[in-house]
Structure formats: structure tokens, C-alpha cells
Amino acid sequence: MGTVVAAIAELTGSPFTACSAKPVSGGSIHRAWHIADGSRHYFVKTNEVAAAPMFEAEARGLQALSAAGVVRTPTFITQGQTASESFLVLEYLDLAALDRSSGAQLGNALAQLHRVSGDSFGWTGDNFIGTTPQHNAPHPSWPHFFAERRLRPQLQLALQNGMDKALVAKGRAVAERIGGLFIDYQPVASLLHGDLWSGNAAQSGNGGAVIFDPACYYGDRETDIAMAELFGGFPTSFHAAYRAAWPLDSGYETRKPLYNLYHILNHFNLFGSAYLGQAQRMIERLLAELKR
């Protein structure tokens, strides 16, 4: 940690000598620390040098969310690497689980974030969903983007990771026919968090909502809502406030399994066969819908 602290001082141009460095639990990819010099408190993530692109992508995402000016994120301080480690330095926040009030605040703020729009679907560079590369080359068609940049790469990884060829073929059939779910729906290219499960949202010490660990891109706002519902954990006030601020299209429930299939395939690729059955059910449901 000493070399990281020295690098922080060099990169920020401000003397910094940590008088405390405490490990922070909760993450599964990086090591995390709360370091302080008595007046300044930083949240520091560290990993191998090879993980530097992940930190660079996270920093870009946090800066984009912050620039939107509608929802709080930890302030980006700096990122870099030493001879043996890469690191990301953020503002340290005392966080707690969302409650009814902060959940409602986040729902309203997310609707405002989604009104920040881009000219096409995608992002200025690739980033990561967990440790999986997420491809973001922009495209004017949302169905094309989601099929080619989201589903097909995950299906190819799933095949390499042992998923049955017949099931992968069915998944590719979903990608091929995806346009059938968008006949009467043309989403705007909204600025997305991109990885909005409950572990990436909290309330700060003053009770305000905070989001972090993004995988940003411009896409259909329904994808953020679908993931928020996939694993649960958000207060009902979050969902109610979002829908009050910007009601969802009537076809959302039909598209939700499509959007969550991406994340379930990613979980299969990262964590294994525990997610196989869920992926299969989603694929079968989508194929049945697309054959109507």
C-alpha cells in the first residue's frame, strides 16, 4: 500500500501520508481500502497491473454520471499503477442500504439520468461488465446493437464455457429475431448506469442516494430497470418513483427477459452452471414470444 500512497501523492500533486489503511469488504473483483491522512479520506481499489483498463473504464463511467448532474457518485480522484499494482482512487463515503426515502430519490434521479441522451447506441470505448469485456462500438439501431454487442458475444463465451450447442443455437435465434420485440417501440439512447443491481447503489451518511461501479453506455433505459428487478434488493419506493417520473412502455415486461438474459449469460460465463437453468428458461420464453 505504501507505493500506492506515494503514487496518489504524485498524481494528485498534493502531499499525502496515510495514517490509516483499513481493508473494505464487499467486492469480489478488486481489493478495497479506506485510507486517510487525518483530513482526507479516500476509497482505493487495487488489483494486478493487468486490471488497469478496468479502472480506466470505471473512472470514465463515474465521470460521465457525475457530469449529468442528477445523481451522486463518489468523486473520482485519480487512477494509475505502480510496478506491481493498478489502482483507482475515489472519494470515501460512509454508505448504508437504501431506505424508503433514498430509494425514492434514486428512482427519480435515475429517470432524470435516462433523459440524458446520445446520438447513437453505444459508448466512446469498450468497458467491462464484471470482468467480462463489454463491446460498445456505436450503432444507430438499438436491436442491432443489443444483438451484436450484447447477446452474441455472451453466447460465444457461453459456448466456450461449456453451454450446450443446441441451447447456444436457440440463443442465437433470439438474437436473429430480436427485431420482433421492437415493432412498436423505438427507445431513445439514454445514458445508462449499465450494471444497476442493488449492490451498486446505496445511501450516503446524509441520506442521499449514491450509485457506483457503472458499466455505462447509451441504450434503452429499460435495461437498467430490468437489472434492478432481476436480483431484487431495491425498495418499492425506487420503482414507484421511477415510474411516476417516467412511465415505462406497455411492452416492457415482454422485453425484460431479453435484457436480463444478457446478465444471466454473463453470470454463467463468470460463475458457472448455477445460472444455466435460468438462461435456458429465458431463451425458451423469448423464442416462444418471437414465434407468435
C-alpha atoms as a PDB file:
ATOM      1  CA  MET A   1       0.000   0.000   0.000  1.00  0.00           C
ATOM      2  CA  GLY A   2       2.952   2.321   0.596  1.00  0.00           C
ATOM      3  CA  THR A   3       3.812   2.561  -3.101  1.00  0.00           C
ATOM      4  CA  VAL A   4       0.152   3.232  -3.942  1.00  0.00           C
ATOM      5  CA  VAL A   5       0.020   6.030  -1.353  1.00  0.00           C
ATOM      6  CA  ALA A   6       3.166   7.564  -2.845  1.00  0.00           C
ATOM      7  CA  ALA A   7       1.664   7.336  -6.319  1.00  0.00           C
ATOM      8  CA  ILE A   8      -1.516   9.067  -5.107  1.00  0.00           C
ATOM      9  CA  ALA A   9       0.554  11.964  -3.792  1.00  0.00           C
ATOM     10  CA  GLU A  10       2.414  12.220  -7.090  1.00  0.00           C
ATOM     11  CA  LEU A  11      -0.697  12.010  -9.286  1.00  0.00           C
ATOM     12  CA  THR A  12      -2.748  14.478  -7.237  1.00  0.00           C
ATOM     13  CA  GLY A  13       0.163  16.868  -6.766  1.00  0.00           C
ATOM     14  CA  SER A  14      -0.605  17.065  -3.071  1.00  0.00           C
ATOM     15  CA  PRO A  15       1.415  15.557  -0.195  1.00  0.00           C
ATOM     16  CA  PHE A  16      -0.375  12.552   1.234  1.00  0.00           C
ATOM     17  CA  THR A  17       0.825  10.300   4.018  1.00  0.00           C
ATOM     18  CA  ALA A  18      -1.702   7.707   5.084  1.00  0.00           C
ATOM     19  CA  CYS A  19      -2.057   7.383   8.831  1.00  0.00           C
ATOM     20  CA  SER A  20      -4.590   4.578   8.435  1.00  0.00           C
ATOM     21  CA  ALA A  21      -5.368   1.982   5.785  1.00  0.00           C
ATOM     22  CA  LYS A  22      -8.265  -0.339   6.500  1.00  0.00           C
ATOM     23  CA  PRO A  23      -9.494  -3.088   4.173  1.00  0.00           C
ATOM     24  CA  VAL A  24     -13.092  -2.715   2.992  1.00  0.00           C
ATOM     25  CA  SER A  25     -15.162  -5.828   2.341  1.00  0.00           C
ATOM     26  CA  GLY A  26     -17.912  -6.336  -0.211  1.00  0.00           C
ATOM     27  CA  GLY A  27     -16.166  -6.503  -3.578  1.00  0.00           C
ATOM     28  CA  SER A  28     -15.374  -9.755  -5.378  1.00  0.00           C
ATOM     29  CA  ILE A  29     -13.063  -8.485  -8.139  1.00  0.00           C
ATOM     30  CA  HIS A  30     -10.698  -5.961  -6.568  1.00  0.00           C
ATOM     31  CA  ARG A  31      -9.141  -5.375  -3.180  1.00  0.00           C
ATOM     32  CA  ALA A  32     -10.525  -2.259  -1.489  1.00  0.00           C
ATOM     33  CA  TRP A  33      -9.210   0.081   1.180  1.00  0.00           C
ATOM     34  CA  HIS A  34     -10.245   3.106   3.200  1.00  0.00           C
ATOM     35  CA  ILE A  35      -7.139   5.230   3.564  1.00  0.00           C
ATOM     36  CA  ALA A  36      -6.887   8.535   5.386  1.00  0.00           C
ATOM     37  CA  ASP A  37      -4.303  11.107   6.428  1.00  0.00           C
ATOM     38  CA  GLY A  38      -6.407  12.645   9.167  1.00  0.00           C
ATOM     39  CA  SER A  39      -8.291  15.126   6.989  1.00  0.00           C
ATOM     40  CA  ARG A  40      -8.692  13.413   3.627  1.00  0.00           C
ATOM     41  CA  HIS A  41     -10.442  10.073   3.246  1.00  0.00           C
ATOM     42  CA  TYR A  42     -10.111   8.002   0.071  1.00  0.00           C
ATOM     43  CA  PHE A  43     -11.642   4.768  -1.162  1.00  0.00           C
ATOM     44  CA  VAL A  44      -8.942   2.876  -3.033  1.00  0.00           C
ATOM     45  CA  LYS A  45      -9.336  -0.189  -5.219  1.00  0.00           C
ATOM     46  CA  THR A  46      -6.246  -2.186  -6.127  1.00  0.00           C
ATOM     47  CA  ASN A  47      -5.543  -5.116  -8.402  1.00  0.00           C
ATOM     48  CA  GLU A  48      -2.870  -6.502 -10.687  1.00  0.00           C
ATOM     49  CA  VAL A  49      -1.342  -4.196 -13.290  1.00  0.00           C
ATOM     50  CA  ALA A  50      -3.351  -6.009 -15.973  1.00  0.00           C
ATOM     51  CA  ALA A  51      -6.570  -4.704 -14.389  1.00  0.00           C
ATOM     52  CA  ALA A  52      -5.720  -1.074 -15.202  1.00  0.00           C
ATOM     53  CA  PRO A  53      -8.164  -0.942 -18.168  1.00  0.00           C
ATOM     54  CA  MET A  54     -10.999  -1.870 -15.791  1.00  0.00           C
ATOM     55  CA  PHE A  55     -10.162   1.066 -13.538  1.00  0.00           C
ATOM     56  CA  GLU A  56      -9.835   3.403 -16.522  1.00  0.00           C
ATOM     57  CA  ALA A  57     -13.279   2.365 -17.763  1.00  0.00           C
ATOM     58  CA  GLU A  58     -14.825   2.738 -14.314  1.00  0.00           C
ATOM     59  CA  ALA A  59     -13.351   6.220 -13.977  1.00  0.00           C
ATOM     60  CA  ARG A  60     -14.806   7.280 -17.337  1.00  0.00           C
ATOM     61  CA  GLY A  61     -18.203   5.956 -16.334  1.00  0.00           C
ATOM     62  CA  LEU A  62     -18.214   7.710 -12.970  1.00  0.00           C
ATOM     63  CA  GLN A  63     -17.176  10.966 -14.596  1.00  0.00           C
ATOM     64  CA  ALA A  64     -19.978  10.675 -17.161  1.00  0.00           C
ATOM     65  CA  LEU A  65     -22.572  10.015 -14.469  1.00  0.00           C
ATOM     66  CA  SER A  66     -21.255  12.892 -12.383  1.00  0.00           C
ATOM     67  CA  ALA A  67     -21.305  15.256 -15.369  1.00  0.00           C
ATOM     68  CA  ALA A  68     -25.005  14.539 -15.873  1.00  0.00           C
ATOM     69  CA  GLY A  69     -25.552  16.333 -12.572  1.00  0.00           C
ATOM     70  CA  VAL A  70     -28.641  14.409 -11.457  1.00  0.00           C
ATOM     71  CA  VAL A  71     -27.369  11.627  -9.191  1.00  0.00           C
ATOM     72  CA  ARG A  72     -24.468  11.455  -6.782  1.00  0.00           C
ATOM     73  CA  THR A  73     -21.462   9.263  -7.417  1.00  0.00           C
ATOM     74  CA  PRO A  74     -18.192   9.000  -5.481  1.00  0.00           C
ATOM     75  CA  THR A  75     -15.924  11.752  -6.774  1.00  0.00           C
ATOM     76  CA  PHE A  76     -13.114  10.450  -8.962  1.00  0.00           C
ATOM     77  CA  ILE A  77      -9.713  11.439  -7.545  1.00  0.00           C
ATOM     78  CA  THR A  78      -7.141   9.642  -9.697  1.00  0.00           C
ATOM     79  CA  GLN A  79      -6.099   6.279 -11.073  1.00  0.00           C
ATOM     80  CA  GLY A  80      -2.807   4.785 -12.094  1.00  0.00           C
ATOM     81  CA  GLN A  81      -0.375   1.990 -11.437  1.00  0.00           C
ATOM     82  CA  THR A  82       2.827   1.103  -9.674  1.00  0.00           C
ATOM     83  CA  ALA A  83       5.311  -1.551 -10.752  1.00  0.00           C
ATOM     84  CA  SER A  84       3.134  -4.258  -9.224  1.00  0.00           C
ATOM     85  CA  GLU A  85      -0.407  -2.874  -8.912  1.00  0.00           C
ATOM     86  CA  SER A  86      -3.056  -0.798 -10.630  1.00  0.00           C
ATOM     87  CA  PHE A  87      -5.380   1.338  -8.560  1.00  0.00           C
ATOM     88  CA  LEU A  88      -8.398   3.628  -8.585  1.00  0.00           C
ATOM     89  CA  VAL A  89      -8.901   6.371  -6.002  1.00  0.00           C
ATOM     90  CA  LEU A  90     -12.349   7.755  -5.203  1.00  0.00           C
ATOM     91  CA  GLU A  91     -13.939   9.907  -2.555  1.00  0.00           C
ATOM     92  CA  TYR A  92     -14.664   7.810   0.521  1.00  0.00           C
ATOM     93  CA  LEU A  93     -18.321   7.750   1.545  1.00  0.00           C
ATOM     94  CA  ASP A  94     -19.965   6.139   4.554  1.00  0.00           C
ATOM     95  CA  LEU A  95     -22.661   4.047   2.891  1.00  0.00           C
ATOM     96  CA  ALA A  96     -25.767   2.262   4.097  1.00  0.00           C
ATOM     97  CA  ALA A  97     -28.579   0.362   2.412  1.00  0.00           C
ATOM     98  CA  LEU A  98     -31.206   2.377   0.575  1.00  0.00           C
ATOM     99  CA  ASP A  99     -34.295   3.126   2.615  1.00  0.00           C
ATOM    100  CA  ARG A 100     -37.722   4.332   1.510  1.00  0.00           C
ATOM    101  CA  SER A 101     -36.659   7.970   1.190  1.00  0.00           C
ATOM    102  CA  SER A 102     -33.322   7.444  -0.562  1.00  0.00           C
ATOM    103  CA  GLY A 103     -34.881   4.756  -2.755  1.00  0.00           C
ATOM    104  CA  ALA A 104     -37.473   7.227  -3.996  1.00  0.00           C
ATOM    105  CA  GLN A 105     -34.767   9.826  -4.523  1.00  0.00           C
ATOM    106  CA  LEU A 106     -32.770   7.364  -6.613  1.00  0.00           C
ATOM    107  CA  GLY A 107     -35.787   6.365  -8.698  1.00  0.00           C
ATOM    108  CA  ASN A 108     -36.473   9.976  -9.582  1.00  0.00           C
ATOM    109  CA  ALA A 109     -32.788  10.708 -10.236  1.00  0.00           C
ATOM    110  CA  LEU A 110     -32.433   7.658 -12.481  1.00  0.00           C
ATOM    111  CA  ALA A 111     -35.351   8.842 -14.611  1.00  0.00           C
ATOM    112  CA  GLN A 112     -33.575  12.190 -14.992  1.00  0.00           C
ATOM    113  CA  LEU A 113     -30.317  10.429 -15.862  1.00  0.00           C
ATOM    114  CA  HIS A 114     -32.090   8.449 -18.560  1.00  0.00           C
ATOM    115  CA  ARG A 115     -33.250  11.700 -20.158  1.00  0.00           C
ATOM    116  CA  VAL A 116     -29.594  12.438 -20.935  1.00  0.00           C
ATOM    117  CA  SER A 117     -29.389  11.060 -24.460  1.00  0.00           C
ATOM    118  CA  GLY A 118     -26.800  10.305 -27.103  1.00  0.00           C
ATOM    119  CA  ASP A 119     -26.830  10.326 -30.898  1.00  0.00           C
ATOM    120  CA  SER A 120     -26.432   6.550 -31.181  1.00  0.00           C
ATOM    121  CA  PHE A 121     -26.387   3.409 -29.066  1.00  0.00           C
ATOM    122  CA  GLY A 122     -23.031   2.521 -27.533  1.00  0.00           C
ATOM    123  CA  TRP A 123     -20.164   4.339 -25.857  1.00  0.00           C
ATOM    124  CA  THR A 124     -16.914   6.104 -26.602  1.00  0.00           C
ATOM    125  CA  GLY A 125     -14.951   2.969 -25.721  1.00  0.00           C
ATOM    126  CA  ASP A 126     -15.373  -0.585 -24.544  1.00  0.00           C
ATOM    127  CA  ASN A 127     -15.704  -1.279 -20.832  1.00  0.00           C
ATOM    128  CA  PHE A 128     -16.489  -4.224 -18.563  1.00  0.00           C
ATOM    129  CA  ILE A 129     -19.496  -5.966 -17.067  1.00  0.00           C
ATOM    130  CA  GLY A 130     -17.912  -7.622 -14.067  1.00  0.00           C
ATOM    131  CA  THR A 131     -14.632  -8.830 -15.546  1.00  0.00           C
ATOM    132  CA  THR A 132     -16.163  -9.563 -18.958  1.00  0.00           C
ATOM    133  CA  PRO A 133     -15.302  -7.107 -21.743  1.00  0.00           C
ATOM    134  CA  GLN A 134     -18.375  -5.166 -22.872  1.00  0.00           C
ATOM    135  CA  HIS A 135     -18.298  -4.074 -26.507  1.00  0.00           C
ATOM    136  CA  ASN A 136     -19.704  -0.618 -27.184  1.00  0.00           C
ATOM    137  CA  ALA A 137     -18.990   0.320 -30.809  1.00  0.00           C
ATOM    138  CA  PRO A 138     -21.870   2.730 -31.573  1.00  0.00           C
ATOM    139  CA  HIS A 139     -24.723   1.825 -33.903  1.00  0.00           C
ATOM    140  CA  PRO A 140     -27.890   3.729 -34.868  1.00  0.00           C
ATOM    141  CA  SER A 141     -30.149   0.670 -34.413  1.00  0.00           C
ATOM    142  CA  TRP A 142     -30.848  -0.475 -30.866  1.00  0.00           C
ATOM    143  CA  PRO A 143     -31.988  -4.021 -31.799  1.00  0.00           C
ATOM    144  CA  HIS A 144     -28.829  -4.451 -33.891  1.00  0.00           C
ATOM    145  CA  PHE A 145     -26.641  -3.078 -31.105  1.00  0.00           C
ATOM    146  CA  PHE A 146     -28.139  -5.327 -28.453  1.00  0.00           C
ATOM    147  CA  ALA A 147     -27.961  -8.435 -30.629  1.00  0.00           C
ATOM    148  CA  GLU A 148     -24.410  -7.870 -31.873  1.00  0.00           C
ATOM    149  CA  ARG A 149     -22.729  -6.130 -28.916  1.00  0.00           C
ATOM    150  CA  ARG A 150     -24.540  -7.840 -26.052  1.00  0.00           C
ATOM    151  CA  LEU A 151     -26.132 -11.217 -26.818  1.00  0.00           C
ATOM    152  CA  ARG A 152     -23.820 -12.703 -29.439  1.00  0.00           C
ATOM    153  CA  PRO A 153     -20.541 -12.106 -27.540  1.00  0.00           C
ATOM    154  CA  GLN A 154     -22.012 -13.651 -24.383  1.00  0.00           C
ATOM    155  CA  LEU A 155     -23.370 -16.620 -26.319  1.00  0.00           C
ATOM    156  CA  GLN A 156     -19.962 -17.213 -27.902  1.00  0.00           C
ATOM    157  CA  LEU A 157     -18.345 -17.130 -24.461  1.00  0.00           C
ATOM    158  CA  ALA A 158     -21.029 -19.485 -23.147  1.00  0.00           C
ATOM    159  CA  LEU A 159     -20.238 -21.969 -25.912  1.00  0.00           C
ATOM    160  CA  GLN A 160     -16.558 -21.814 -24.968  1.00  0.00           C
ATOM    161  CA  ASN A 161     -17.524 -22.297 -21.317  1.00  0.00           C
ATOM    162  CA  GLY A 162     -19.453 -25.496 -21.947  1.00  0.00           C
ATOM    163  CA  MET A 163     -23.021 -24.440 -22.695  1.00  0.00           C
ATOM    164  CA  ASP A 164     -24.837 -26.993 -24.851  1.00  0.00           C
ATOM    165  CA  LYS A 165     -24.552 -26.192 -28.564  1.00  0.00           C
ATOM    166  CA  ALA A 166     -28.288 -26.596 -29.070  1.00  0.00           C
ATOM    167  CA  LEU A 167     -29.062 -24.024 -26.383  1.00  0.00           C
ATOM    168  CA  VAL A 168     -26.496 -21.610 -27.811  1.00  0.00           C
ATOM    169  CA  ALA A 169     -28.153 -22.052 -31.209  1.00  0.00           C
ATOM    170  CA  LYS A 170     -31.504 -21.135 -29.670  1.00  0.00           C
ATOM    171  CA  GLY A 171     -29.915 -18.079 -28.087  1.00  0.00           C
ATOM    172  CA  ARG A 172     -28.544 -17.059 -31.470  1.00  0.00           C
ATOM    173  CA  ALA A 173     -32.024 -17.491 -32.922  1.00  0.00           C
ATOM    174  CA  VAL A 174     -33.261 -14.988 -30.344  1.00  0.00           C
ATOM    175  CA  ALA A 175     -30.548 -12.552 -31.445  1.00  0.00           C
ATOM    176  CA  GLU A 176     -31.502 -13.105 -35.090  1.00  0.00           C
ATOM    177  CA  ARG A 177     -35.193 -12.380 -34.461  1.00  0.00           C
ATOM    178  CA  ILE A 178     -34.778  -9.649 -31.887  1.00  0.00           C
ATOM    179  CA  GLY A 179     -36.458  -7.052 -34.073  1.00  0.00           C
ATOM    180  CA  GLY A 180     -39.806  -8.681 -33.367  1.00  0.00           C
ATOM    181  CA  LEU A 181     -39.734  -7.208 -29.866  1.00  0.00           C
ATOM    182  CA  PHE A 182     -39.352  -3.657 -31.183  1.00  0.00           C
ATOM    183  CA  ILE A 183     -42.036  -3.357 -33.843  1.00  0.00           C
ATOM    184  CA  ASP A 184     -43.966  -0.712 -31.915  1.00  0.00           C
ATOM    185  CA  TYR A 185     -41.180   0.534 -29.679  1.00  0.00           C
ATOM    186  CA  GLN A 186     -38.209   2.717 -30.583  1.00  0.00           C
ATOM    187  CA  PRO A 187     -36.169   3.580 -27.481  1.00  0.00           C
ATOM    188  CA  VAL A 188     -34.067   6.689 -27.159  1.00  0.00           C
ATOM    189  CA  ALA A 189     -30.350   6.305 -26.492  1.00  0.00           C
ATOM    190  CA  SER A 190     -30.364   7.031 -22.752  1.00  0.00           C
ATOM    191  CA  LEU A 191     -27.287   7.351 -20.574  1.00  0.00           C
ATOM    192  CA  LEU A 192     -27.282   4.129 -18.540  1.00  0.00           C
ATOM    193  CA  HIS A 193     -25.579   3.002 -15.363  1.00  0.00           C
ATOM    194  CA  GLY A 194     -25.269  -0.366 -17.082  1.00  0.00           C
ATOM    195  CA  ASP A 195     -24.802  -2.624 -14.036  1.00  0.00           C
ATOM    196  CA  LEU A 196     -27.614  -1.499 -11.759  1.00  0.00           C
ATOM    197  CA  TRP A 197     -28.036  -4.233  -9.185  1.00  0.00           C
ATOM    198  CA  SER A 198     -28.656  -3.323  -5.553  1.00  0.00           C
ATOM    199  CA  GLY A 199     -25.001  -3.806  -4.598  1.00  0.00           C
ATOM    200  CA  ASN A 200     -24.101  -0.813  -6.764  1.00  0.00           C
ATOM    201  CA  ALA A 201     -26.475   1.645  -5.082  1.00  0.00           C
ATOM    202  CA  ALA A 202     -26.646   2.929  -1.515  1.00  0.00           C
ATOM    203  CA  GLN A 203     -27.332   5.970   0.589  1.00  0.00           C
ATOM    204  CA  SER A 204     -24.615   8.207   1.975  1.00  0.00           C
ATOM    205  CA  GLY A 205     -24.282   9.444   5.522  1.00  0.00           C
ATOM    206  CA  ASN A 206     -26.593  12.397   4.844  1.00  0.00           C
ATOM    207  CA  GLY A 207     -29.303  10.099   3.500  1.00  0.00           C
ATOM    208  CA  GLY A 208     -28.807  10.897  -0.177  1.00  0.00           C
ATOM    209  CA  ALA A 209     -28.755   8.221  -2.881  1.00  0.00           C
ATOM    210  CA  VAL A 210     -25.418   7.208  -4.422  1.00  0.00           C
ATOM    211  CA  ILE A 211     -24.595   4.930  -7.364  1.00  0.00           C
ATOM    212  CA  PHE A 212     -21.200   3.487  -8.276  1.00  0.00           C
ATOM    213  CA  ASP A 213     -19.395   0.686 -10.170  1.00  0.00           C
ATOM    214  CA  PRO A 214     -21.000   1.607 -13.507  1.00  0.00           C
ATOM    215  CA  ALA A 215     -20.709  -0.030 -16.918  1.00  0.00           C
ATOM    216  CA  CYS A 216     -22.010   2.998 -18.801  1.00  0.00           C
ATOM    217  CA  TYR A 217     -23.257   3.248 -22.348  1.00  0.00           C
ATOM    218  CA  TYR A 218     -26.161   4.791 -24.238  1.00  0.00           C
ATOM    219  CA  GLY A 219     -29.028   2.340 -24.604  1.00  0.00           C
ATOM    220  CA  ASP A 220     -32.629   1.551 -23.789  1.00  0.00           C
ATOM    221  CA  ARG A 221     -33.475   2.791 -20.296  1.00  0.00           C
ATOM    222  CA  GLU A 222     -35.469  -0.397 -19.736  1.00  0.00           C
ATOM    223  CA  THR A 223     -32.190  -2.309 -19.378  1.00  0.00           C
ATOM    224  CA  ASP A 224     -31.334  -0.511 -16.125  1.00  0.00           C
ATOM    225  CA  ILE A 225     -34.820  -1.133 -14.734  1.00  0.00           C
ATOM    226  CA  ALA A 226     -34.775  -4.783 -15.797  1.00  0.00           C
ATOM    227  CA  MET A 227     -31.497  -5.425 -13.999  1.00  0.00           C
ATOM    228  CA  ALA A 228     -32.710  -3.597 -10.898  1.00  0.00           C
ATOM    229  CA  GLU A 229     -35.585  -6.082 -10.833  1.00  0.00           C
ATOM    230  CA  LEU A 230     -33.507  -9.156 -11.726  1.00  0.00           C
ATOM    231  CA  PHE A 231     -31.866  -9.739  -8.352  1.00  0.00           C
ATOM    232  CA  GLY A 232     -34.137  -7.547  -6.232  1.00  0.00           C
ATOM    233  CA  GLY A 233     -32.949  -5.544  -3.249  1.00  0.00           C
ATOM    234  CA  PHE A 234     -34.282  -2.129  -4.233  1.00  0.00           C
ATOM    235  CA  PRO A 235     -37.061  -0.649  -2.084  1.00  0.00           C
ATOM    236  CA  THR A 236     -40.501  -0.432  -3.685  1.00  0.00           C
ATOM    237  CA  SER A 237     -40.205   3.347  -3.408  1.00  0.00           C
ATOM    238  CA  PHE A 238     -37.418   3.246  -6.014  1.00  0.00           C
ATOM    239  CA  HIS A 239     -39.602   1.554  -8.614  1.00  0.00           C
ATOM    240  CA  ALA A 240     -42.642   3.704  -7.824  1.00  0.00           C
ATOM    241  CA  ALA A 241     -40.690   6.956  -8.056  1.00  0.00           C
ATOM    242  CA  TYR A 242     -39.084   5.981 -11.351  1.00  0.00           C
ATOM    243  CA  ARG A 243     -42.394   5.091 -12.946  1.00  0.00           C
ATOM    244  CA  ALA A 244     -44.009   8.250 -11.626  1.00  0.00           C
ATOM    245  CA  ALA A 245     -41.223  10.341 -13.165  1.00  0.00           C
ATOM    246  CA  TRP A 246     -41.164   8.442 -16.481  1.00  0.00           C
ATOM    247  CA  PRO A 247     -43.699   5.640 -17.009  1.00  0.00           C
ATOM    248  CA  LEU A 248     -42.454   2.517 -18.768  1.00  0.00           C
ATOM    249  CA  ASP A 249     -43.755   1.400 -22.146  1.00  0.00           C
ATOM    250  CA  SER A 250     -46.504  -1.228 -22.090  1.00  0.00           C
ATOM    251  CA  GLY A 251     -44.196  -3.756 -23.769  1.00  0.00           C
ATOM    252  CA  TYR A 252     -41.544  -3.611 -21.063  1.00  0.00           C
ATOM    253  CA  GLU A 253     -42.488  -6.914 -19.432  1.00  0.00           C
ATOM    254  CA  THR A 254     -42.063  -8.674 -22.785  1.00  0.00           C
ATOM    255  CA  ARG A 255     -38.593  -7.218 -23.317  1.00  0.00           C
ATOM    256  CA  LYS A 256     -37.398  -7.624 -19.728  1.00  0.00           C
ATOM    257  CA  PRO A 257     -36.243 -11.265 -20.138  1.00  0.00           C
ATOM    258  CA  LEU A 258     -34.279 -10.226 -23.237  1.00  0.00           C
ATOM    259  CA  TYR A 259     -32.383  -7.589 -21.314  1.00  0.00           C
ATOM    260  CA  ASN A 260     -31.788  -9.814 -18.309  1.00  0.00           C
ATOM    261  CA  LEU A 261     -30.653 -12.712 -20.490  1.00  0.00           C
ATOM    262  CA  TYR A 262     -27.513 -10.680 -21.132  1.00  0.00           C
ATOM    263  CA  HIS A 263     -26.710 -10.554 -17.427  1.00  0.00           C
ATOM    264  CA  ILE A 264     -27.633 -14.179 -16.763  1.00  0.00           C
ATOM    265  CA  LEU A 265     -25.401 -15.310 -19.628  1.00  0.00           C
ATOM    266  CA  ASN A 266     -22.638 -13.170 -18.160  1.00  0.00           C
ATOM    267  CA  HIS A 267     -23.170 -14.789 -14.758  1.00  0.00           C
ATOM    268  CA  PHE A 268     -22.990 -18.211 -16.412  1.00  0.00           C
ATOM    269  CA  ASN A 269     -19.708 -17.201 -18.028  1.00  0.00           C
ATOM    270  CA  LEU A 270     -18.295 -15.793 -14.798  1.00  0.00           C
ATOM    271  CA  PHE A 271     -19.688 -18.158 -12.167  1.00  0.00           C
ATOM    272  CA  GLY A 272     -20.725 -21.347 -13.914  1.00  0.00           C
ATOM    273  CA  SER A 273     -23.635 -23.728 -14.306  1.00  0.00           C
ATOM    274  CA  ALA A 274     -25.770 -22.400 -11.434  1.00  0.00           C
ATOM    275  CA  TYR A 275     -27.177 -19.934 -13.976  1.00  0.00           C
ATOM    276  CA  LEU A 276     -27.716 -22.433 -16.789  1.00  0.00           C
ATOM    277  CA  GLY A 277     -31.338 -23.257 -15.979  1.00  0.00           C
ATOM    278  CA  GLN A 278     -32.301 -19.597 -15.723  1.00  0.00           C
ATOM    279  CA  ALA A 279     -30.638 -18.841 -19.053  1.00  0.00           C
ATOM    280  CA  GLN A 280     -32.457 -21.741 -20.690  1.00  0.00           C
ATOM    281  CA  ARG A 281     -35.843 -20.614 -19.365  1.00  0.00           C
ATOM    282  CA  MET A 282     -35.272 -17.080 -20.610  1.00  0.00           C
ATOM    283  CA  ILE A 283     -34.225 -18.258 -24.064  1.00  0.00           C
ATOM    284  CA  GLU A 284     -37.226 -20.576 -24.367  1.00  0.00           C
ATOM    285  CA  ARG A 285     -39.604 -17.830 -23.234  1.00  0.00           C
ATOM    286  CA  LEU A 286     -38.172 -15.355 -25.728  1.00  0.00           C
ATOM    287  CA  LEU A 287     -38.325 -17.839 -28.605  1.00  0.00           C
ATOM    288  CA  ALA A 288     -41.958 -18.569 -27.807  1.00  0.00           C
ATOM    289  CA  GLU A 289     -42.721 -14.844 -27.794  1.00  0.00           C
ATOM    290  CA  LEU A 290     -40.909 -14.268 -31.075  1.00  0.00           C
ATOM    291  CA  LYS A 291     -42.801 -17.100 -32.808  1.00  0.00           C
ATOM    292  CA  ARG A 292     -46.194 -15.501 -32.143  1.00  0.00           C
END
